[in-house]
Amino acid sequence: MSGGHYNYKSLELAYLAGEIDDDCDRLSMNSPPDEWGYVRKAEPPEIIAAMRQCANDLRALGERAKAIEWYLSGDYGPESILKA
């Protein structure tokens, strides 16, 4: 078995982090007017910073989860868990 002890669920954390980063990019500026003229105001910088920190934390947790997942699959050694 290669990787996948948890069916590669560790990858979902990286995907979620990417989606949060995409939202940060989109929400850091005013939106263009919609068909009714509504403009969504940019989120405050401290909200964007907190969202980006969450994305970074998710990426780090994803790397740790991957190390565990691959260790349990026999692809990584025990040192991978300690380094992650």
Protein backbone atom coordinates (compact mmCIF):
# COMPACT_ATOMS: atom_id res chain seq x y z
CA MET A 1 0.00 0.00 0.00
CA SER A 2 1.40 3.40 -0.88
CA GLY A 3 0.26 6.37 1.22
CA GLY A 4 -3.45 6.38 1.65
CA HIS A 5 -3.88 4.77 5.07
CA TYR A 6 -6.64 7.33 5.64
CA ASN A 7 -7.67 7.41 1.98
CA TYR A 8 -5.51 10.52 1.36
CA LYS A 9 -7.73 12.72 3.53
CA SER A 10 -4.69 14.76 4.51
CA LEU A 11 -4.86 16.32 1.04
CA GLU A 12 -8.26 17.80 1.86
CA LEU A 13 -6.60 20.15 4.35
CA ALA A 14 -4.36 21.53 1.60
CA TYR A 15 -7.36 21.96 -0.71
CA LEU A 16 -9.27 23.82 2.01
CA ALA A 17 -6.26 26.06 2.67
CA GLY A 18 -6.11 26.92 -1.03
CA GLU A 19 -9.80 27.78 -1.12
CA ILE A 20 -9.39 30.06 1.91
CA ASP A 21 -6.44 31.78 0.20
CA ASP A 22 -8.55 32.27 -2.93
CA ASP A 23 -11.29 33.84 -0.81
CA CYS A 24 -8.72 36.11 0.84
CA ASP A 25 -7.64 37.36 -2.57
CA ARG A 26 -11.23 37.93 -3.61
CA LEU A 27 -12.39 39.51 -0.34
CA SER A 28 -9.43 41.84 0.11
CA MET A 29 -10.92 44.30 -2.40
CA ASN A 30 -14.37 45.62 -3.17
CA SER A 31 -16.32 43.41 -5.54
CA PRO A 32 -17.52 44.68 -8.89
CA PRO A 33 -21.18 45.71 -8.82
CA ASP A 34 -23.62 42.85 -9.32
CA GLU A 35 -26.65 43.08 -11.60
CA TRP A 36 -28.47 45.22 -9.00
CA GLY A 37 -25.51 47.49 -8.35
CA TYR A 38 -24.59 45.91 -5.01
CA VAL A 39 -20.88 46.10 -4.16
CA ARG A 40 -19.48 43.93 -1.42
CA LYS A 41 -16.97 45.94 0.60
CA ALA A 42 -13.51 44.56 1.17
CA GLU A 43 -13.01 42.74 4.43
CA PRO A 44 -10.83 44.52 7.00
CA PRO A 45 -7.11 43.65 6.81
CA GLU A 46 -7.17 41.96 10.22
CA ILE A 47 -9.90 39.56 9.00
CA ILE A 48 -7.90 38.73 5.88
CA ALA A 49 -4.80 38.18 8.02
CA ALA A 50 -6.68 35.83 10.36
CA MET A 51 -8.05 33.89 7.40
CA ARG A 52 -4.57 33.57 5.87
CA GLN A 53 -3.19 32.38 9.21
CA CYS A 54 -5.89 29.71 9.30
CA ALA A 55 -4.91 28.60 5.78
CA ASN A 56 -1.25 28.38 6.82
CA ASP A 57 -2.19 26.39 9.92
CA LEU A 58 -4.26 24.00 7.80
CA ARG A 59 -1.32 23.45 5.45
CA ALA A 60 0.97 22.66 8.39
CA LEU A 61 -1.58 20.26 9.87
CA GLY A 62 -2.00 18.66 6.46
CA GLU A 63 1.73 17.99 6.28
CA ARG A 64 1.66 16.43 9.75
CA ALA A 65 -1.38 14.32 8.86
CA LYS A 66 0.32 13.19 5.64
CA ALA A 67 3.40 12.12 7.59
CA ILE A 68 1.23 10.02 9.90
CA GLU A 69 -0.81 8.61 7.02
CA TRP A 70 2.26 7.61 5.02
CA TYR A 71 4.04 6.25 8.09
CA LEU A 72 1.09 3.97 8.80
CA SER A 73 1.16 2.90 5.15
CA GLY A 74 4.81 1.91 5.42
CA ASP A 75 6.10 4.63 3.09
CA TYR A 76 7.69 6.93 5.70
CA GLY A 77 9.80 6.15 8.74
CA PRO A 78 9.01 7.23 12.30
CA GLU A 79 11.32 10.26 11.97
CA SER A 80 8.88 11.76 9.45
CA ILE A 81 6.25 12.11 12.18
CA LEU A 82 8.72 13.71 14.54
CA LYS A 83 9.91 16.20 11.89
CA ALA A 84 6.43 17.13 10.63
